[in-house]
């Protein structure tokens, strides 16, 4: 799955939180100064071409809705991170966190408990 830019992720977050929207409704969700309508429209069309959004036609207008859920995107992002930086090894990723002291022994025991419950 393609990695979203910060602005694309910001737009997707608004769709994930609010559901289907027209571009004008999307623009209303932004604080001032609001992005230009044409800029948002272009970004939404790009997200649609990349498979993140689809649209329903209402007269002459398009109402856009997410195709990919937030959870699907996050899972794909983690998988890409593990593949790119850890040679597709989740073990290497966890080891890196342990080495950098980002995970404690207690954290690891809790993770092991979750794995055992899942079996």
PDB file of N, CA and C in Angstrom:
ATOM      1  N   UNK A   1       0.851  -1.185   0.000  1.00  0.00           N
ATOM      2  CA  UNK A   1       0.000   0.000   0.000  1.00  0.00           C
ATOM      3  C   UNK A   1       0.891   1.241   0.000  1.00  0.00           C
ATOM      4  N   UNK A   2       0.535   2.203  -0.823  1.00  0.00           N
ATOM      5  CA  UNK A   2       1.286   3.444  -0.929  1.00  0.00           C
ATOM      6  C   UNK A   2       1.256   4.197   0.399  1.00  0.00           C
ATOM      7  N   UNK A   3       2.359   4.818   0.721  1.00  0.00           N
ATOM      8  CA  UNK A   3       2.456   5.652   1.915  1.00  0.00           C
ATOM      9  C   UNK A   3       1.896   7.026   1.584  1.00  0.00           C
ATOM     10  N   UNK A   4       0.994   7.524   2.398  1.00  0.00           N
ATOM     11  CA  UNK A   4       0.389   8.834   2.182  1.00  0.00           C
ATOM     12  C   UNK A   4       1.322   9.943   2.643  1.00  0.00           C
ATOM     13  N   UNK A   5       1.255  11.090   1.962  1.00  0.00           N
ATOM     14  CA  UNK A   5       1.950  12.273   2.443  1.00  0.00           C
ATOM     15  C   UNK A   5       1.208  12.792   3.670  1.00  0.00           C
ATOM     16  N   UNK A   6       1.810  13.717   4.364  1.00  0.00           N
ATOM     17  CA  UNK A   6       1.172  14.288   5.554  1.00  0.00           C
ATOM     18  C   UNK A   6      -0.174  14.935   5.195  1.00  0.00           C
ATOM     19  N   UNK A   7      -0.227  15.670   4.094  1.00  0.00           N
ATOM     20  CA  UNK A   7      -1.474  16.330   3.672  1.00  0.00           C
ATOM     21  C   UNK A   7      -2.528  15.307   3.246  1.00  0.00           C
ATOM     22  N   UNK A   8      -2.094  14.255   2.530  1.00  0.00           N
ATOM     23  CA  UNK A   8      -3.039  13.218   2.125  1.00  0.00           C
ATOM     24  C   UNK A   8      -3.606  12.498   3.345  1.00  0.00           C
ATOM     25  N   UNK A   9      -2.743  12.224   4.312  1.00  0.00           N
ATOM     26  CA  UNK A   9      -3.212  11.554   5.526  1.00  0.00           C
ATOM     27  C   UNK A   9      -4.182  12.451   6.297  1.00  0.00           C
ATOM     28  N   UNK A  10      -3.923  13.748   6.283  1.00  0.00           N
ATOM     29  CA  UNK A  10      -4.829  14.705   6.930  1.00  0.00           C
ATOM     30  C   UNK A  10      -6.219  14.643   6.289  1.00  0.00           C
ATOM     31  N   UNK A  11      -6.267  14.570   4.963  1.00  0.00           N
ATOM     32  CA  UNK A  11      -7.544  14.471   4.252  1.00  0.00           C
ATOM     33  C   UNK A  11      -8.224  13.145   4.579  1.00  0.00           C
ATOM     34  N   UNK A  12      -7.459  12.056   4.533  1.00  0.00           N
ATOM     35  CA  UNK A  12      -8.040  10.744   4.832  1.00  0.00           C
ATOM     36  C   UNK A  12      -8.567  10.699   6.264  1.00  0.00           C
ATOM     37  N   UNK A  13      -7.861  11.304   7.207  1.00  0.00           N
ATOM     38  CA  UNK A  13      -8.336  11.350   8.588  1.00  0.00           C
ATOM     39  C   UNK A  13      -9.721  11.996   8.651  1.00  0.00           C
ATOM     40  N   UNK A  14      -9.912  13.061   7.884  1.00  0.00           N
ATOM     41  CA  UNK A  14     -11.220  13.728   7.872  1.00  0.00           C
ATOM     42  C   UNK A  14     -12.307  12.818   7.297  1.00  0.00           C
ATOM     43  N   UNK A  15     -11.972  12.061   6.259  1.00  0.00           N
ATOM     44  CA  UNK A  15     -12.945  11.106   5.716  1.00  0.00           C
ATOM     45  C   UNK A  15     -13.210   9.976   6.705  1.00  0.00           C
ATOM     46  N   UNK A  16     -12.164   9.468   7.349  1.00  0.00           N
ATOM     47  CA  UNK A  16     -12.346   8.383   8.318  1.00  0.00           C
ATOM     48  C   UNK A  16     -13.196   8.834   9.495  1.00  0.00           C
ATOM     49  N   UNK A  17     -13.051  10.091   9.888  1.00  0.00           N
ATOM     50  CA  UNK A  17     -13.811  10.603  11.036  1.00  0.00           C
ATOM     51  C   UNK A  17     -15.239  11.005  10.673  1.00  0.00           C
ATOM     52  N   UNK A  18     -15.453  11.458   9.429  1.00  0.00           N
ATOM     53  CA  UNK A  18     -16.751  12.046   9.064  1.00  0.00           C
ATOM     54  C   UNK A  18     -17.540  11.265   8.031  1.00  0.00           C
ATOM     55  N   UNK A  19     -16.941  10.284   7.396  1.00  0.00           N
ATOM     56  CA  UNK A  19     -17.639   9.510   6.379  1.00  0.00           C
ATOM     57  C   UNK A  19     -17.701  10.240   5.048  1.00  0.00           C
ATOM     58  N   UNK A  20     -18.648   9.850   4.178  1.00  0.00           N
ATOM     59  CA  UNK A  20     -18.739  10.425   2.836  1.00  0.00           C
ATOM     60  C   UNK A  20     -18.938  11.941   2.878  1.00  0.00           C
ATOM     61  N   UNK A  21     -18.226  12.621   1.975  1.00  0.00           N
ATOM     62  CA  UNK A  21     -18.325  14.085   1.909  1.00  0.00           C
ATOM     63  C   UNK A  21     -18.103  14.570   0.489  1.00  0.00           C
ATOM     64  N   UNK A  22     -18.709  15.710   0.197  1.00  0.00           N
ATOM     65  CA  UNK A  22     -18.385  16.465  -1.004  1.00  0.00           C
ATOM     66  C   UNK A  22     -17.138  17.289  -0.676  1.00  0.00           C
ATOM     67  N   UNK A  23     -16.430  17.760  -1.678  1.00  0.00           N
ATOM     68  CA  UNK A  23     -15.207  18.539  -1.439  1.00  0.00           C
ATOM     69  C   UNK A  23     -15.523  19.788  -0.629  1.00  0.00           C
ATOM     70  N   UNK A  24     -16.654  20.415  -0.896  1.00  0.00           N
ATOM     71  CA  UNK A  24     -17.007  21.627  -0.132  1.00  0.00           C
ATOM     72  C   UNK A  24     -17.198  21.304   1.359  1.00  0.00           C
ATOM     73  N   UNK A  25     -17.766  20.118   1.664  1.00  0.00           N
ATOM     74  CA  UNK A  25     -17.931  19.704   3.064  1.00  0.00           C
ATOM     75  C   UNK A  25     -16.568  19.418   3.696  1.00  0.00           C
ATOM     76  N   UNK A  26     -15.692  18.798   2.910  1.00  0.00           N
ATOM     77  CA  UNK A  26     -14.338  18.542   3.390  1.00  0.00           C
ATOM     78  C   UNK A  26     -13.657  19.859   3.737  1.00  0.00           C
ATOM     79  N   UNK A  27     -13.780  20.834   2.861  1.00  0.00           N
ATOM     80  CA  UNK A  27     -13.155  22.152   3.075  1.00  0.00           C
ATOM     81  C   UNK A  27     -13.692  22.817   4.342  1.00  0.00           C
ATOM     82  N   UNK A  28     -14.983  22.632   4.625  1.00  0.00           N
ATOM     83  CA  UNK A  28     -15.594  23.223   5.819  1.00  0.00           C
ATOM     84  C   UNK A  28     -14.995  22.667   7.112  1.00  0.00           C
ATOM     85  N   UNK A  29     -14.439  21.466   7.052  1.00  0.00           N
ATOM     86  CA  UNK A  29     -13.873  20.817   8.248  1.00  0.00           C
ATOM     87  C   UNK A  29     -12.529  21.420   8.652  1.00  0.00           C
ATOM     88  N   UNK A  30     -11.924  22.202   7.776  1.00  0.00           N
ATOM     89  CA  UNK A  30     -10.630  22.815   8.050  1.00  0.00           C
ATOM     90  C   UNK A  30     -10.800  24.119   8.808  1.00  0.00           C
ATOM     91  N   UNK A  31      -9.834  24.404   9.663  1.00  0.00           N
ATOM     92  CA  UNK A  31      -9.800  25.699  10.357  1.00  0.00           C
ATOM     93  C   UNK A  31      -9.283  26.750   9.375  1.00  0.00           C
ATOM     94  N   UNK A  32      -9.530  28.004   9.691  1.00  0.00           N
ATOM     95  CA  UNK A  32      -9.005  29.095   8.861  1.00  0.00           C
ATOM     96  C   UNK A  32      -7.501  29.215   9.069  1.00  0.00           C
ATOM     97  N   UNK A  33      -6.747  29.501   8.073  1.00  0.00           N
ATOM     98  CA  UNK A  33      -7.149  29.690   6.684  1.00  0.00           C
ATOM     99  C   UNK A  33      -7.383  28.337   6.009  1.00  0.00           C
ATOM    100  N   UNK A  34      -8.517  28.215   5.381  1.00  0.00           N
ATOM    101  CA  UNK A  34      -8.902  26.959   4.724  1.00  0.00           C
ATOM    102  C   UNK A  34      -8.102  26.787   3.425  1.00  0.00           C
ATOM    103  N   UNK A  35      -7.783  25.527   3.090  1.00  0.00           N
ATOM    104  CA  UNK A  35      -7.123  25.309   1.803  1.00  0.00           C
ATOM    105  C   UNK A  35      -8.061  25.683   0.653  1.00  0.00           C
ATOM    106  N   UNK A  36      -7.492  26.032  -0.480  1.00  0.00           N
ATOM    107  CA  UNK A  36      -8.281  26.396  -1.643  1.00  0.00           C
ATOM    108  C   UNK A  36      -9.087  25.186  -2.119  1.00  0.00           C
ATOM    109  N   UNK A  37     -10.303  25.423  -2.563  1.00  0.00           N
ATOM    110  CA  UNK A  37     -11.195  24.362  -3.032  1.00  0.00           C
ATOM    111  C   UNK A  37     -10.526  23.527  -4.117  1.00  0.00           C
ATOM    112  N   UNK A  38      -9.892  24.182  -5.096  1.00  0.00           N
ATOM    113  CA  UNK A  38      -9.280  23.452  -6.210  1.00  0.00           C
ATOM    114  C   UNK A  38      -8.125  22.562  -5.735  1.00  0.00           C
ATOM    115  N   UNK A  39      -7.383  23.017  -4.746  1.00  0.00           N
ATOM    116  CA  UNK A  39      -6.285  22.221  -4.190  1.00  0.00           C
ATOM    117  C   UNK A  39      -6.843  20.952  -3.563  1.00  0.00           C
ATOM    118  N   UNK A  40      -7.877  21.106  -2.746  1.00  0.00           N
ATOM    119  CA  UNK A  40      -8.501  19.941  -2.112  1.00  0.00           C
ATOM    120  C   UNK A  40      -9.095  19.005  -3.157  1.00  0.00           C
ATOM    121  N   UNK A  41      -9.749  19.561  -4.149  1.00  0.00           N
ATOM    122  CA  UNK A  41     -10.357  18.756  -5.196  1.00  0.00           C
ATOM    123  C   UNK A  41      -9.299  17.920  -5.924  1.00  0.00           C
ATOM    124  N   UNK A  42      -8.168  18.525  -6.226  1.00  0.00           N
ATOM    125  CA  UNK A  42      -7.074  17.806  -6.886  1.00  0.00           C
ATOM    126  C   UNK A  42      -6.545  16.691  -6.002  1.00  0.00           C
ATOM    127  N   UNK A  43      -6.341  16.987  -4.725  1.00  0.00           N
ATOM    128  CA  UNK A  43      -5.802  15.977  -3.805  1.00  0.00           C
ATOM    129  C   UNK A  43      -6.788  14.814  -3.629  1.00  0.00           C
ATOM    130  N   UNK A  44      -8.073  15.123  -3.582  1.00  0.00           N
ATOM    131  CA  UNK A  44      -9.092  14.083  -3.441  1.00  0.00           C
ATOM    132  C   UNK A  44      -9.094  13.192  -4.687  1.00  0.00           C
ATOM    133  N   UNK A  45      -8.985  13.797  -5.862  1.00  0.00           N
ATOM    134  CA  UNK A  45      -8.940  12.999  -7.098  1.00  0.00           C
ATOM    135  C   UNK A  45      -7.688  12.110  -7.136  1.00  0.00           C
ATOM    136  N   UNK A  46      -6.569  12.612  -6.625  1.00  0.00           N
ATOM    137  CA  UNK A  46      -5.344  11.804  -6.554  1.00  0.00           C
ATOM    138  C   UNK A  46      -5.567  10.624  -5.609  1.00  0.00           C
ATOM    139  N   UNK A  47      -6.161  10.887  -4.449  1.00  0.00           N
ATOM    140  CA  UNK A  47      -6.443   9.806  -3.496  1.00  0.00           C
ATOM    141  C   UNK A  47      -7.386   8.781  -4.103  1.00  0.00           C
ATOM    142  N   UNK A  48      -8.312   9.240  -4.926  1.00  0.00           N
ATOM    143  CA  UNK A  48      -9.208   8.307  -5.596  1.00  0.00           C
ATOM    144  C   UNK A  48      -8.431   7.469  -6.621  1.00  0.00           C
ATOM    145  N   UNK A  49      -7.564   8.101  -7.386  1.00  0.00           N
ATOM    146  CA  UNK A  49      -6.806   7.361  -8.402  1.00  0.00           C
ATOM    147  C   UNK A  49      -5.856   6.348  -7.775  1.00  0.00           C
ATOM    148  N   UNK A  50      -5.456   6.593  -6.529  1.00  0.00           N
ATOM    149  CA  UNK A  50      -4.562   5.676  -5.814  1.00  0.00           C
ATOM    150  C   UNK A  50      -5.324   4.609  -5.037  1.00  0.00           C
ATOM    151  N   UNK A  51      -6.663   4.633  -5.111  1.00  0.00           N
ATOM    152  CA  UNK A  51      -7.472   3.593  -4.499  1.00  0.00           C
ATOM    153  C   UNK A  51      -7.850   3.814  -3.047  1.00  0.00           C
ATOM    154  N   UNK A  52      -7.640   5.015  -2.523  1.00  0.00           N
ATOM    155  CA  UNK A  52      -8.001   5.300  -1.135  1.00  0.00           C
ATOM    156  C   UNK A  52      -9.441   5.780  -1.008  1.00  0.00           C
ATOM    157  N   UNK A  53      -9.941   6.433  -2.056  1.00  0.00           N
ATOM    158  CA  UNK A  53     -11.300   6.965  -2.068  1.00  0.00           C
ATOM    159  C   UNK A  53     -12.023   6.473  -3.315  1.00  0.00           C
ATOM    160  N   UNK A  54     -13.339   6.534  -3.260  1.00  0.00           N
ATOM    161  CA  UNK A  54     -14.180   6.338  -4.431  1.00  0.00           C
ATOM    162  C   UNK A  54     -15.234   7.430  -4.380  1.00  0.00           C
ATOM    163  N   UNK A  55     -16.103   7.488  -5.379  1.00  0.00           N
ATOM    164  CA  UNK A  55     -17.130   8.526  -5.343  1.00  0.00           C
ATOM    165  C   UNK A  55     -18.474   7.986  -5.809  1.00  0.00           C
ATOM    166  N   UNK A  56     -19.497   8.691  -5.366  1.00  0.00           N
ATOM    167  CA  UNK A  56     -20.863   8.474  -5.839  1.00  0.00           C
ATOM    168  C   UNK A  56     -21.289   9.775  -6.512  1.00  0.00           C
ATOM    169  N   UNK A  57     -21.972   9.663  -7.640  1.00  0.00           N
ATOM    170  CA  UNK A  57     -22.396  10.849  -8.385  1.00  0.00           C
ATOM    171  C   UNK A  57     -23.763  11.306  -7.885  1.00  0.00           C
ATOM    172  N   UNK A  58     -23.850  12.599  -7.592  1.00  0.00           N
ATOM    173  CA  UNK A  58     -25.110  13.236  -7.181  1.00  0.00           C
ATOM    174  C   UNK A  58     -25.309  14.434  -8.099  1.00  0.00           C
ATOM    175  N   UNK A  59     -26.082  14.235  -9.159  1.00  0.00           N
ATOM    176  CA  UNK A  59     -26.242  15.310 -10.142  1.00  0.00           C
ATOM    177  C   UNK A  59     -24.909  15.583 -10.816  1.00  0.00           C
ATOM    178  N   UNK A  60     -24.439  16.822 -10.692  1.00  0.00           N
ATOM    179  CA  UNK A  60     -23.148  17.206 -11.265  1.00  0.00           C
ATOM    180  C   UNK A  60     -22.013  17.134 -10.250  1.00  0.00           C
ATOM    181  N   UNK A  61     -22.296  16.671  -9.047  1.00  0.00           N
ATOM    182  CA  UNK A  61     -21.299  16.657  -7.981  1.00  0.00           C
ATOM    183  C   UNK A  61     -20.901  15.233  -7.609  1.00  0.00           C
ATOM    184  N   UNK A  62     -19.708  15.119  -7.077  1.00  0.00           N
ATOM    185  CA  UNK A  62     -19.204  13.839  -6.582  1.00  0.00           C
ATOM    186  C   UNK A  62     -19.110  13.879  -5.071  1.00  0.00           C
ATOM    187  N   UNK A  63     -19.660  12.850  -4.445  1.00  0.00           N
ATOM    188  CA  UNK A  63     -19.499  12.673  -3.004  1.00  0.00           C
ATOM    189  C   UNK A  63     -18.464  11.558  -2.835  1.00  0.00           C
ATOM    190  N   UNK A  64     -17.377  11.876  -2.132  1.00  0.00           N
ATOM    191  CA  UNK A  64     -16.278  10.933  -1.977  1.00  0.00           C
ATOM    192  C   UNK A  64     -16.405  10.168  -0.670  1.00  0.00           C
ATOM    193  N   UNK A  65     -15.958   8.919  -0.695  1.00  0.00           N
ATOM    194  CA  UNK A  65     -15.973   8.104   0.513  1.00  0.00           C
ATOM    195  C   UNK A  65     -14.748   7.203   0.525  1.00  0.00           C
ATOM    196  N   UNK A  66     -14.275   6.886   1.728  1.00  0.00           N
ATOM    197  CA  UNK A  66     -13.066   6.063   1.832  1.00  0.00           C
ATOM    198  C   UNK A  66     -13.315   4.618   1.405  1.00  0.00           C
ATOM    199  N   UNK A  67     -12.330   4.052   0.727  1.00  0.00           N
ATOM    200  CA  UNK A  67     -12.347   2.649   0.340  1.00  0.00           C
ATOM    201  C   UNK A  67     -11.502   1.858   1.337  1.00  0.00           C
ATOM    202  N   UNK A  68     -10.427   2.481   1.793  1.00  0.00           N
ATOM    203  CA  UNK A  68      -9.497   1.873   2.736  1.00  0.00           C
ATOM    204  C   UNK A  68      -9.832   2.393   4.130  1.00  0.00           C
ATOM    205  N   UNK A  69      -9.947   1.497   5.101  1.00  0.00           N
ATOM    206  CA  UNK A  69     -10.198   1.934   6.477  1.00  0.00           C
ATOM    207  C   UNK A  69      -8.895   2.415   7.112  1.00  0.00           C
ATOM    208  N   UNK A  70      -9.026   3.157   8.179  1.00  0.00           N
ATOM    209  CA  UNK A  70      -7.851   3.618   8.916  1.00  0.00           C
ATOM    210  C   UNK A  70      -7.018   2.424   9.376  1.00  0.00           C
ATOM    211  N   UNK A  71      -7.686   1.382   9.846  1.00  0.00           N
ATOM    212  CA  UNK A  71      -6.982   0.197  10.342  1.00  0.00           C
ATOM    213  C   UNK A  71      -6.220  -0.502   9.225  1.00  0.00           C
ATOM    214  N   UNK A  72      -6.830  -0.615   8.043  1.00  0.00           N
ATOM    215  CA  UNK A  72      -6.149  -1.231   6.901  1.00  0.00           C
ATOM    216  C   UNK A  72      -4.908  -0.424   6.523  1.00  0.00           C
ATOM    217  N   UNK A  73      -5.054   0.892   6.524  1.00  0.00           N
ATOM    218  CA  UNK A  73      -3.918   1.751   6.178  1.00  0.00           C
ATOM    219  C   UNK A  73      -2.794   1.600   7.192  1.00  0.00           C
ATOM    220  N   UNK A  74      -3.129   1.594   8.477  1.00  0.00           N
ATOM    221  CA  UNK A  74      -2.104   1.479   9.513  1.00  0.00           C
ATOM    222  C   UNK A  74      -1.403   0.132   9.451  1.00  0.00           C
ATOM    223  N   UNK A  75      -2.168  -0.938   9.231  1.00  0.00           N
ATOM    224  CA  UNK A  75      -1.554  -2.262   9.092  1.00  0.00           C
ATOM    225  C   UNK A  75      -0.588  -2.277   7.912  1.00  0.00           C
ATOM    226  N   UNK A  76      -1.003  -1.714   6.804  1.00  0.00           N
ATOM    227  CA  UNK A  76      -0.143  -1.644   5.622  1.00  0.00           C
ATOM    228  C   UNK A  76       1.086  -0.801   5.868  1.00  0.00           C
ATOM    229  N   UNK A  77       0.931   0.275   6.639  1.00  0.00           N
ATOM    230  CA  UNK A  77       2.063   1.146   6.948  1.00  0.00           C
ATOM    231  C   UNK A  77       3.088   0.425   7.810  1.00  0.00           C
ATOM    232  N   UNK A  78       2.603  -0.320   8.786  1.00  0.00           N
ATOM    233  CA  UNK A  78       3.517  -1.082   9.652  1.00  0.00           C
ATOM    234  C   UNK A  78       4.241  -2.136   8.821  1.00  0.00           C
ATOM    235  N   UNK A  79       3.509  -2.816   7.956  1.00  0.00           N
ATOM    236  CA  UNK A  79       4.129  -3.838   7.108  1.00  0.00           C
ATOM    237  C   UNK A  79       5.203  -3.217   6.216  1.00  0.00           C
ATOM    238  N   UNK A  80       4.926  -2.036   5.651  1.00  0.00           N
ATOM    239  CA  UNK A  80       5.921  -1.358   4.814  1.00  0.00           C
ATOM    240  C   UNK A  80       7.146  -0.963   5.623  1.00  0.00           C
ATOM    241  N   UNK A  81       6.925  -0.478   6.837  1.00  0.00           N
ATOM    242  CA  UNK A  81       8.030  -0.088   7.712  1.00  0.00           C
ATOM    243  C   UNK A  81       8.915  -1.289   8.033  1.00  0.00           C
ATOM    244  N   UNK A  82       8.290  -2.400   8.394  1.00  0.00           N
ATOM    245  CA  UNK A  82       9.043  -3.613   8.733  1.00  0.00           C
ATOM    246  C   UNK A  82       9.810  -4.098   7.508  1.00  0.00           C
ATOM    247  N   UNK A  83       9.177  -4.065   6.360  1.00  0.00           N
ATOM    248  CA  UNK A  83       9.839  -4.515   5.131  1.00  0.00           C
ATOM    249  C   UNK A  83      11.016  -3.611   4.782  1.00  0.00           C
ATOM    250  N   UNK A  84      10.792  -2.309   4.810  1.00  0.00           N
ATOM    251  CA  UNK A  84      11.810  -1.345   4.367  1.00  0.00           C
ATOM    252  C   UNK A  84      12.993  -1.246   5.316  1.00  0.00           C
ATOM    253  N   UNK A  85      12.737  -1.214   6.620  1.00  0.00           N
ATOM    254  CA  UNK A  85      13.805  -0.931   7.579  1.00  0.00           C
ATOM    255  C   UNK A  85      14.302  -2.141   8.352  1.00  0.00           C
ATOM    256  N   UNK A  86      13.552  -3.234   8.327  1.00  0.00           N
ATOM    257  CA  UNK A  86      13.939  -4.393   9.132  1.00  0.00           C
ATOM    258  C   UNK A  86      13.987  -5.684   8.310  1.00  0.00           C
ATOM    259  N   UNK A  87      14.144  -5.558   6.998  1.00  0.00           N
ATOM    260  CA  UNK A  87      14.276  -6.730   6.147  1.00  0.00           C
ATOM    261  C   UNK A  87      13.100  -7.677   6.246  1.00  0.00           C
ATOM    262  N   UNK A  88      11.916  -7.111   6.417  1.00  0.00           N
ATOM    263  CA  UNK A  88      10.664  -7.871   6.549  1.00  0.00           C
ATOM    264  C   UNK A  88      10.679  -8.815   7.749  1.00  0.00           C
ATOM    265  N   UNK A  89      11.429  -8.448   8.786  1.00  0.00           N
ATOM    266  CA  UNK A  89      11.528  -9.272   9.999  1.00  0.00           C
ATOM    267  C   UNK A  89      10.964  -8.506  11.195  1.00  0.00           C
ATOM    268  N   UNK A  90       9.818  -8.983  11.688  1.00  0.00           N
ATOM    269  CA  UNK A  90       9.227  -8.366  12.881  1.00  0.00           C
ATOM    270  C   UNK A  90      10.126  -8.618  14.091  1.00  0.00           C
ATOM    271  N   UNK A  91      10.816  -9.751  14.094  1.00  0.00           N
ATOM    272  CA  UNK A  91      11.755 -10.057  15.175  1.00  0.00           C
ATOM    273  C   UNK A  91      12.867  -9.005  15.219  1.00  0.00           C
ATOM    274  N   UNK A  92      13.395  -8.636  14.049  1.00  0.00           N
ATOM    275  CA  UNK A  92      14.443  -7.609  13.992  1.00  0.00           C
ATOM    276  C   UNK A  92      13.910  -6.271  14.497  1.00  0.00           C
ATOM    277  N   UNK A  93      12.667  -5.977  14.185  1.00  0.00           N
ATOM    278  CA  UNK A  93      12.074  -4.723  14.650  1.00  0.00           C
ATOM    279  C   UNK A  93      11.974  -4.703  16.174  1.00  0.00           C
ATOM    280  N   UNK A  94      11.450  -5.784  16.744  1.00  0.00           N
ATOM    281  CA  UNK A  94      11.319  -5.856  18.201  1.00  0.00           C
ATOM    282  C   UNK A  94      12.698  -5.801  18.851  1.00  0.00           C
ATOM    283  N   UNK A  95      13.679  -6.498  18.269  1.00  0.00           N
ATOM    284  CA  UNK A  95      15.045  -6.481  18.796  1.00  0.00           C
ATOM    285  C   UNK A  95      15.613  -5.068  18.799  1.00  0.00           C
ATOM    286  N   UNK A  96      15.319  -4.314  17.747  1.00  0.00           N
ATOM    287  CA  UNK A  96      15.794  -2.928  17.684  1.00  0.00           C
ATOM    288  C   UNK A  96      15.183  -2.105  18.809  1.00  0.00           C
ATOM    289  N   UNK A  97      13.902  -2.322  19.097  1.00  0.00           N
ATOM    290  CA  UNK A  97      13.261  -1.594  20.192  1.00  0.00           C
ATOM    291  C   UNK A  97      13.869  -1.971  21.540  1.00  0.00           C
ATOM    292  N   UNK A  98      14.199  -3.240  21.703  1.00  0.00           N
ATOM    293  CA  UNK A  98      14.825  -3.697  22.948  1.00  0.00           C
ATOM    294  C   UNK A  98      16.211  -3.071  23.095  1.00  0.00           C
ATOM    295  N   UNK A  99      16.994  -3.110  22.014  1.00  0.00           N
ATOM    296  CA  UNK A  99      18.351  -2.553  22.050  1.00  0.00           C
ATOM    297  C   UNK A  99      18.339  -1.064  22.358  1.00  0.00           C
ATOM    298  N   UNK A 100      17.356  -0.354  21.853  1.00  0.00           N
ATOM    299  CA  UNK A 100      17.258   1.088  22.102  1.00  0.00           C
ATOM    300  C   UNK A 100      16.523   1.393  23.403  1.00  0.00           C
ATOM    301  N   UNK A 101      16.222   0.340  24.149  1.00  0.00           N
ATOM    302  CA  UNK A 101      15.533   0.447  25.434  1.00  0.00           C
ATOM    303  C   UNK A 101      14.171   1.129  25.313  1.00  0.00           C
ATOM    304  N   UNK A 102      13.495   0.859  24.199  1.00  0.00           N
ATOM    305  CA  UNK A 102      12.133   1.361  23.992  1.00  0.00           C
ATOM    306  C   UNK A 102      11.107   0.354  24.508  1.00  0.00           C
ATOM    307  N   UNK A 103      11.543  -0.919  24.675  1.00  0.00           N
ATOM    308  CA  UNK A 103      10.702  -1.967  25.243  1.00  0.00           C
ATOM    309  C   UNK A 103      11.408  -2.555  26.451  1.00  0.00           C
ATOM    310  N   UNK A 104      10.680  -2.664  27.545  1.00  0.00           N
ATOM    311  CA  UNK A 104      11.239  -3.240  28.767  1.00  0.00           C
ATOM    312  C   UNK A 104      10.930  -4.731  28.825  1.00  0.00           C
ATOM    313  N   UNK A 105      11.520  -5.391  29.793  1.00  0.00           N
ATOM    314  CA  UNK A 105      11.244  -6.810  30.014  1.00  0.00           C
ATOM    315  C   UNK A 105       9.758  -7.003  30.317  1.00  0.00           C
ATOM    316  N   UNK A 106       9.188  -6.111  31.097  1.00  0.00           N
ATOM    317  CA  UNK A 106       7.752  -6.194  31.404  1.00  0.00           C
ATOM    318  C   UNK A 106       6.903  -6.051  30.141  1.00  0.00           C
ATOM    319  N   UNK A 107       7.303  -5.137  29.257  1.00  0.00           N
ATOM    320  CA  UNK A 107       6.585  -4.981  27.987  1.00  0.00           C
ATOM    321  C   UNK A 107       6.629  -6.280  27.193  1.00  0.00           C
ATOM    322  N   UNK A 108       7.810  -6.894  27.134  1.00  0.00           N
ATOM    323  CA  UNK A 108       7.964  -8.132  26.382  1.00  0.00           C
ATOM    324  C   UNK A 108       7.134  -9.258  26.990  1.00  0.00           C
ATOM    325  N   UNK A 109       7.094  -9.331  28.306  1.00  0.00           N
ATOM    326  CA  UNK A 109       6.273 -10.357  28.963  1.00  0.00           C
ATOM    327  C   UNK A 109       4.800 -10.155  28.625  1.00  0.00           C
ATOM    328  N   UNK A 110       4.363  -8.919  28.592  1.00  0.00           N
ATOM    329  CA  UNK A 110       2.970  -8.618  28.248  1.00  0.00           C
ATOM    330  C   UNK A 110       2.680  -9.031  26.802  1.00  0.00           C
ATOM    331  N   UNK A 111       3.612  -8.754  25.894  1.00  0.00           N
ATOM    332  CA  UNK A 111       3.444  -9.137  24.493  1.00  0.00           C
ATOM    333  C   UNK A 111       3.386 -10.655  24.366  1.00  0.00           C
ATOM    334  N   UNK A 112       4.264 -11.357  25.079  1.00  0.00           N
ATOM    335  CA  UNK A 112       4.266 -12.825  25.054  1.00  0.00           C
ATOM    336  C   UNK A 112       2.922 -13.350  25.559  1.00  0.00           C
ATOM    337  N   UNK A 113       2.402 -12.742  26.617  1.00  0.00           N
ATOM    338  CA  UNK A 113       1.091 -13.139  27.140  1.00  0.00           C
ATOM    339  C   UNK A 113      -0.006 -12.956  26.097  1.00  0.00           C
ATOM    340  N   UNK A 114       0.042 -11.862  25.341  1.00  0.00           N
ATOM    341  CA  UNK A 114      -0.942 -11.620  24.292  1.00  0.00           C
ATOM    342  C   UNK A 114      -0.824 -12.664  23.188  1.00  0.00           C
ATOM    343  N   UNK A 115       0.415 -13.037  22.844  1.00  0.00           N
ATOM    344  CA  UNK A 115       0.629 -14.057  21.821  1.00  0.00           C
ATOM    345  C   UNK A 115       0.087 -15.393  22.277  1.00  0.00           C
ATOM    346  N   UNK A 116       0.348 -15.741  23.545  1.00  0.00           N
ATOM    347  CA  UNK A 116      -0.128 -17.012  24.076  1.00  0.00           C
ATOM    348  C   UNK A 116      -1.643 -17.069  24.126  1.00  0.00           C
ATOM    349  N   UNK A 117      -2.291 -15.959  24.428  1.00  0.00           N
ATOM    350  CA  UNK A 117      -3.758 -15.917  24.459  1.00  0.00           C
ATOM    351  C   UNK A 117      -4.329 -16.090  23.062  1.00  0.00           C
ATOM    352  N   UNK A 118      -3.599 -15.617  22.069  1.00  0.00           N
ATOM    353  CA  UNK A 118      -4.062 -15.702  20.681  1.00  0.00           C
ATOM    354  C   UNK A 118      -3.981 -17.102  20.098  1.00  0.00           C
ATOM    355  N   UNK A 119      -3.218 -17.982  20.716  1.00  0.00           N
ATOM    356  CA  UNK A 119      -3.040 -19.344  20.175  1.00  0.00           C
ATOM    357  C   UNK A 119      -4.162 -20.243  20.588  1.00  0.00           C
TER     358      UNK A 119
END
